PDB file of N, CA and C in Angstrom:
ATOM      1  N   MET A   1       0.432  14.877  -1.618  1.00  0.00           N
ATOM      2  CA  MET A   1       0.575  13.380  -1.761  1.00  0.00           C
ATOM      3  C   MET A   1      -0.230  12.700  -3.183  1.00  0.00           C
ATOM      4  N   PHE A   2       0.183  11.798  -3.546  1.00  0.00           N
ATOM      5  CA  PHE A   2      -0.513  11.291  -4.666  1.00  0.00           C
ATOM      6  C   PHE A   2      -1.336  10.223  -4.201  1.00  0.00           C
ATOM      7  N   PHE A   3      -2.599  10.275  -4.863  1.00  0.00           N
ATOM      8  CA  PHE A   3      -3.488   9.253  -4.551  1.00  0.00           C
ATOM      9  C   PHE A   3      -4.281   8.649  -5.907  1.00  0.00           C
ATOM     10  N   LEU A   4      -4.396   7.457  -5.834  1.00  0.00           N
ATOM     11  CA  LEU A   4      -4.791   6.530  -7.025  1.00  0.00           C
ATOM     12  C   LEU A   4      -6.600   6.371  -6.676  1.00  0.00           C
ATOM     13  N   ALA A   5      -7.317   6.370  -7.785  1.00  0.00           N
ATOM     14  CA  ALA A   5      -8.440   5.983  -7.690  1.00  0.00           C
ATOM     15  C   ALA A   5      -8.727   4.580  -7.289  1.00  0.00           C
ATOM     16  N   GLU A   6      -9.668   4.077  -6.450  1.00  0.00           N
ATOM     17  CA  GLU A   6      -9.686   2.580  -5.747  1.00  0.00           C
ATOM     18  C   GLU A   6      -9.667   1.666  -7.041  1.00  0.00           C
ATOM     19  N   LYS A   7     -10.462   2.151  -8.182  1.00  0.00           N
ATOM     20  CA  LYS A   7     -10.475   1.116  -9.330  1.00  0.00           C
ATOM     21  C   LYS A   7      -9.383   0.645  -9.965  1.00  0.00           C
ATOM     22  N   ASP A   8      -8.153   1.660  -9.509  1.00  0.00           N
ATOM     23  CA  ASP A   8      -7.049   1.475 -10.348  1.00  0.00           C
ATOM     24  C   ASP A   8      -5.997   0.476  -9.529  1.00  0.00           C
ATOM     25  N   VAL A   9      -6.354  -0.083  -8.463  1.00  0.00           N
ATOM     26  CA  VAL A   9      -5.630  -0.777  -7.697  1.00  0.00           C
ATOM     27  C   VAL A   9      -5.994  -2.131  -7.098  1.00  0.00           C
ATOM     28  N   ARG A  10      -5.277  -3.152  -7.862  1.00  0.00           N
ATOM     29  CA  ARG A  10      -5.280  -4.617  -7.172  1.00  0.00           C
ATOM     30  C   ARG A  10      -5.121  -4.760  -5.913  1.00  0.00           C
ATOM     31  N   SER A  11      -5.574  -5.341  -5.238  1.00  0.00           N
ATOM     32  CA  SER A  11      -5.286  -5.944  -3.836  1.00  0.00           C
ATOM     33  C   SER A  11      -3.862  -6.049  -3.675  1.00  0.00           C
ATOM     34  N   VAL A  12      -3.229  -5.545  -2.915  1.00  0.00           N
ATOM     35  CA  VAL A  12      -1.970  -5.786  -2.229  1.00  0.00           C
ATOM     36  C   VAL A  12      -1.532  -5.849  -0.906  1.00  0.00           C
ATOM     37  N   ILE A  13      -2.669  -5.927  -0.184  1.00  0.00           N
ATOM     38  CA  ILE A  13      -2.581  -6.382   1.130  1.00  0.00           C
ATOM     39  C   ILE A  13      -3.131  -7.557   1.504  1.00  0.00           C
ATOM     40  N   VAL A  14      -2.724  -7.986   2.450  1.00  0.00           N
ATOM     41  CA  VAL A  14      -3.538  -9.438   3.102  1.00  0.00           C
ATOM     42  C   VAL A  14      -4.558  -9.139   4.172  1.00  0.00           C
ATOM     43  N   LYS A  15      -5.812  -8.865   3.987  1.00  0.00           N
ATOM     44  CA  LYS A  15      -6.995  -8.483   4.493  1.00  0.00           C
ATOM     45  C   LYS A  15      -6.966  -9.142   5.895  1.00  0.00           C
ATOM     46  N   SER A  16      -6.650 -10.576   5.772  1.00  0.00           N
ATOM     47  CA  SER A  16      -7.025 -11.262   6.939  1.00  0.00           C
ATOM     48  C   SER A  16      -5.735 -10.929   7.894  1.00  0.00           C
ATOM     49  N   ALA A  17      -4.504 -10.471   7.445  1.00  0.00           N
ATOM     50  CA  ALA A  17      -3.502 -10.372   8.352  1.00  0.00           C
ATOM     51  C   ALA A  17      -3.592  -8.860   8.820  1.00  0.00           C
ATOM     52  N   VAL A  18      -4.226  -7.820   8.321  1.00  0.00           N
ATOM     53  CA  VAL A  18      -4.606  -6.637   8.663  1.00  0.00           C
ATOM     54  C   VAL A  18      -5.712  -7.085  10.116  1.00  0.00           C
ATOM     55  N   ARG A  19      -6.819  -7.620   9.714  1.00  0.00           N
ATOM     56  CA  ARG A  19      -7.648  -8.006  10.632  1.00  0.00           C
ATOM     57  C   ARG A  19      -7.041  -8.777  11.902  1.00  0.00           C
ATOM     58  N   ASP A  20      -6.377  -9.673  11.516  1.00  0.00           N
ATOM     59  CA  ASP A  20      -5.637 -10.566  12.539  1.00  0.00           C
ATOM     60  C   ASP A  20      -4.869  -9.382  13.706  1.00  0.00           C
ATOM     61  N   LEU A  21      -4.145  -8.579  12.933  1.00  0.00           N
ATOM     62  CA  LEU A  21      -3.208  -7.793  13.745  1.00  0.00           C
ATOM     63  C   LEU A  21      -3.896  -6.822  15.092  1.00  0.00           C
ATOM     64  N   LEU A  22      -5.252  -6.523  14.293  1.00  0.00           N
ATOM     65  CA  LEU A  22      -5.977  -5.992  15.623  1.00  0.00           C
ATOM     66  C   LEU A  22      -7.187  -6.678  16.232  1.00  0.00           C
ATOM     67  N   LYS A  23      -7.197  -7.812  15.833  1.00  0.00           N
ATOM     68  CA  LYS A  23      -8.124  -9.085  16.585  1.00  0.00           C
ATOM     69  C   LYS A  23      -8.250  -8.732  18.103  1.00  0.00           C
ATOM     70  N   ASP A  24      -9.705  -8.697  18.366  1.00  0.00           N
ATOM     71  CA  ASP A  24      -9.619  -8.292  19.828  1.00  0.00           C
ATOM     72  C   ASP A  24      -9.934  -7.007  20.176  1.00  0.00           C
ATOM     73  N   LYS A  25      -9.438  -6.007  19.354  1.00  0.00           N
ATOM     74  CA  LYS A  25      -9.240  -4.809  20.032  1.00  0.00           C
ATOM     75  C   LYS A  25      -9.809  -3.691  18.964  1.00  0.00           C
ATOM     76  N   PHE A  26     -10.069  -4.019  17.598  1.00  0.00           N
ATOM     77  CA  PHE A  26     -10.895  -3.221  16.697  1.00  0.00           C
ATOM     78  C   PHE A  26     -11.404  -4.186  15.706  1.00  0.00           C
ATOM     79  N   ASN A  27     -12.927  -3.767  15.035  1.00  0.00           N
ATOM     80  CA  ASN A  27     -13.315  -3.997  13.973  1.00  0.00           C
ATOM     81  C   ASN A  27     -12.551  -3.456  12.622  1.00  0.00           C
ATOM     82  N   VAL A  28     -12.387  -3.799  11.874  1.00  0.00           N
ATOM     83  CA  VAL A  28     -11.772  -3.305  10.306  1.00  0.00           C
ATOM     84  C   VAL A  28     -12.978  -3.410   9.422  1.00  0.00           C
ATOM     85  N   GLY A  29     -13.208  -2.110   8.911  1.00  0.00           N
ATOM     86  CA  GLY A  29     -14.398  -1.743   7.778  1.00  0.00           C
ATOM     87  C   GLY A  29     -13.597  -2.106   6.668  1.00  0.00           C
ATOM     88  N   ASP A  30     -14.359  -2.540   5.712  1.00  0.00           N
ATOM     89  CA  ASP A  30     -13.955  -3.050   4.268  1.00  0.00           C
ATOM     90  C   ASP A  30     -13.484  -1.282   3.604  1.00  0.00           C
ATOM     91  N   ASP A  31     -14.103  -0.355   3.846  1.00  0.00           N
ATOM     92  CA  ASP A  31     -13.763   1.069   3.384  1.00  0.00           C
ATOM     93  C   ASP A  31     -12.234   1.296   3.877  1.00  0.00           C
ATOM     94  N   PHE A  32     -11.915   1.331   5.199  1.00  0.00           N
ATOM     95  CA  PHE A  32     -10.459   1.016   5.453  1.00  0.00           C
ATOM     96  C   PHE A  32      -9.533   0.241   4.763  1.00  0.00           C
ATOM     97  N   LEU A  33      -9.921  -1.145   4.442  1.00  0.00           N
ATOM     98  CA  LEU A  33      -9.168  -2.095   3.824  1.00  0.00           C
ATOM     99  C   LEU A  33      -9.053  -1.524   2.471  1.00  0.00           C
ATOM    100  N   LYS A  34      -9.767  -1.062   1.585  1.00  0.00           N
ATOM    101  CA  LYS A  34      -9.650  -0.245   0.275  1.00  0.00           C
ATOM    102  C   LYS A  34      -8.761   0.797   0.158  1.00  0.00           C
ATOM    103  N   ARG A  35      -9.021   1.645   1.415  1.00  0.00           N
ATOM    104  CA  ARG A  35      -7.784   2.883   1.301  1.00  0.00           C
ATOM    105  C   ARG A  35      -6.725   2.426   1.457  1.00  0.00           C
ATOM    106  N   LEU A  36      -6.510   1.657   2.466  1.00  0.00           N
ATOM    107  CA  LEU A  36      -5.029   1.102   2.768  1.00  0.00           C
ATOM    108  C   LEU A  36      -4.252   0.377   1.533  1.00  0.00           C
ATOM    109  N   ASP A  37      -5.127  -0.202   0.820  1.00  0.00           N
ATOM    110  CA  ASP A  37      -4.842  -0.779  -0.478  1.00  0.00           C
ATOM    111  C   ASP A  37      -4.314   0.074  -1.362  1.00  0.00           C
ATOM    112  N   VAL A  38      -5.311   1.063  -1.430  1.00  0.00           N
ATOM    113  CA  VAL A  38      -4.991   2.440  -2.258  1.00  0.00           C
ATOM    114  C   VAL A  38      -3.479   2.777  -1.748  1.00  0.00           C
ATOM    115  N   ASP A  39      -3.393   3.401  -0.830  1.00  0.00           N
ATOM    116  CA  ASP A  39      -2.238   3.915  -0.200  1.00  0.00           C
ATOM    117  C   ASP A  39      -0.897   3.055  -0.373  1.00  0.00           C
ATOM    118  N   VAL A  40      -0.868   2.072   0.029  1.00  0.00           N
ATOM    119  CA  VAL A  40       0.178   1.094  -0.195  1.00  0.00           C
ATOM    120  C   VAL A  40       0.492   0.886  -1.528  1.00  0.00           C
ATOM    121  N   ALA A  41      -0.294   0.595  -2.685  1.00  0.00           N
ATOM    122  CA  ALA A  41       0.110   0.819  -4.074  1.00  0.00           C
ATOM    123  C   ALA A  41       0.516   2.030  -4.642  1.00  0.00           C
ATOM    124  N   ALA A  42       0.173   3.192  -3.945  1.00  0.00           N
ATOM    125  CA  ALA A  42       0.513   4.433  -4.060  1.00  0.00           C
ATOM    126  C   ALA A  42       2.410   4.772  -3.845  1.00  0.00           C
ATOM    127  N   MET A  43       2.234   3.995  -2.793  1.00  0.00           N
ATOM    128  CA  MET A  43       3.455   4.288  -1.922  1.00  0.00           C
ATOM    129  C   MET A  43       4.816   3.085  -2.916  1.00  0.00           C
ATOM    130  N   VAL A  44       4.247   2.003  -3.137  1.00  0.00           N
ATOM    131  CA  VAL A  44       5.296   1.124  -3.785  1.00  0.00           C
ATOM    132  C   VAL A  44       5.254   2.039  -5.394  1.00  0.00           C
ATOM    133  N   ARG A  45       4.356   2.274  -5.780  1.00  0.00           N
ATOM    134  CA  ARG A  45       4.703   3.136  -7.367  1.00  0.00           C
ATOM    135  C   ARG A  45       5.670   4.266  -7.239  1.00  0.00           C
ATOM    136  N   ARG A  46       5.339   5.014  -6.017  1.00  0.00           N
ATOM    137  CA  ARG A  46       6.390   6.263  -5.953  1.00  0.00           C
ATOM    138  C   ARG A  46       7.716   5.672  -5.531  1.00  0.00           C
ATOM    139  N   ALA A  47       7.992   4.588  -4.561  1.00  0.00           N
ATOM    140  CA  ALA A  47       9.071   3.858  -4.578  1.00  0.00           C
ATOM    141  C   ALA A  47       9.697   3.504  -5.786  1.00  0.00           C
ATOM    142  N   ALA A  48       8.930   3.083  -6.597  1.00  0.00           N
ATOM    143  CA  ALA A  48       9.647   2.331  -7.993  1.00  0.00           C
ATOM    144  C   ALA A  48      10.213   3.578  -8.688  1.00  0.00           C
ATOM    145  N   ASP A  49       9.310   4.662  -8.803  1.00  0.00           N
ATOM    146  CA  ASP A  49       9.642   5.788  -9.574  1.00  0.00           C
ATOM    147  C   ASP A  49      11.011   6.327  -9.176  1.00  0.00           C
ATOM    148  N   ARG A  50      11.252   6.576  -7.649  1.00  0.00           N
ATOM    149  CA  ARG A  50      12.676   7.017  -7.212  1.00  0.00           C
ATOM    150  C   ARG A  50      13.589   6.154  -7.531  1.00  0.00           C
ATOM    151  N   ALA A  51      13.292   4.692  -7.571  1.00  0.00           N
ATOM    152  CA  ALA A  51      14.628   3.646  -7.691  1.00  0.00           C
ATOM    153  C   ALA A  51      14.939   3.854  -9.021  1.00  0.00           C
ATOM    154  N   LYS A  52      13.923   3.974 -10.059  1.00  0.00           N
ATOM    155  CA  LYS A  52      13.976   4.207 -11.328  1.00  0.00           C
ATOM    156  C   LYS A  52      15.121   5.436 -11.650  1.00  0.00           C
ATOM    157  N   GLU A  53      14.738   6.500 -11.055  1.00  0.00           N
ATOM    158  CA  GLU A  53      15.436   7.854 -11.259  1.00  0.00           C
ATOM    159  C   GLU A  53      16.873   7.856 -10.834  1.00  0.00           C
ATOM    160  N   ASN A  54      17.135   7.071  -9.728  1.00  0.00           N
ATOM    161  CA  ASN A  54      18.310   6.521  -9.377  1.00  0.00           C
ATOM    162  C   ASN A  54      19.204   5.442  -9.915  1.00  0.00           C
ATOM    163  N   ASN A  55      18.468   4.976 -11.031  1.00  0.00           N
ATOM    164  CA  ASN A  55      19.259   3.750 -11.798  1.00  0.00           C
ATOM    165  C   ASN A  55      19.244   2.595 -11.204  1.00  0.00           C
ATOM    166  N   ARG A  56      18.040   2.435 -10.425  1.00  0.00           N
ATOM    167  CA  ARG A  56      18.236   0.843  -9.586  1.00  0.00           C
ATOM    168  C   ARG A  56      16.868   0.365 -10.024  1.00  0.00           C
ATOM    169  N   LYS A  57      16.873  -0.973  -9.896  1.00  0.00           N
ATOM    170  CA  LYS A  57      16.036  -1.919 -10.102  1.00  0.00           C
ATOM    171  C   LYS A  57      15.297  -2.505  -8.748  1.00  0.00           C
ATOM    172  N   THR A  58      16.132  -2.070  -7.781  1.00  0.00           N
ATOM    173  CA  THR A  58      15.834  -2.733  -6.598  1.00  0.00           C
ATOM    174  C   THR A  58      15.028  -1.461  -5.571  1.00  0.00           C
ATOM    175  N   LEU A  59      13.951  -1.935  -5.203  1.00  0.00           N
ATOM    176  CA  LEU A  59      13.379  -0.905  -4.167  1.00  0.00           C
ATOM    177  C   LEU A  59      13.915  -1.057  -2.839  1.00  0.00           C
ATOM    178  N   LYS A  60      14.316   0.162  -2.300  1.00  0.00           N
ATOM    179  CA  LYS A  60      14.844   0.068  -0.780  1.00  0.00           C
ATOM    180  C   LYS A  60      14.121   1.159  -0.053  1.00  0.00           C
ATOM    181  N   ALA A  61      14.170   0.743   1.266  1.00  0.00           N
ATOM    182  CA  ALA A  61      13.549   1.737   2.241  1.00  0.00           C
ATOM    183  C   ALA A  61      13.715   3.265   2.139  1.00  0.00           C
ATOM    184  N   ARG A  62      14.934   3.482   1.738  1.00  0.00           N
ATOM    185  CA  ARG A  62      14.772   4.944   1.365  1.00  0.00           C
ATOM    186  C   ARG A  62      13.931   5.296   0.271  1.00  0.00           C
ATOM    187  N   ASP A  63      13.305   4.569  -0.209  1.00  0.00           N
ATOM    188  CA  ASP A  63      12.547   5.118  -1.485  1.00  0.00           C
ATOM    189  C   ASP A  63      11.124   5.494  -1.181  1.00  0.00           C
ATOM    190  N   CYS A  64      10.865   5.004   0.019  1.00  0.00           N
ATOM    191  CA  CYS A  64       9.505   5.360   0.575  1.00  0.00           C
ATOM    192  C   CYS A  64       9.309   6.766   0.910  1.00  0.00           C
TER     193      CYS A  64
END
């Protein structure tokens, strides 16, 4: 699995939406949100690389 350093990632998730998703059930720590951001950004970059390898500029679910 490919990991990026946290400093290399600009926020790509909506933190309030993640918190709302788990509202009244769980608290969401800042460390979780930072890691989620890192993982989502890496997933998007991998998908972009795969789409490029297939001569596409559109990311599709199969690229994940």
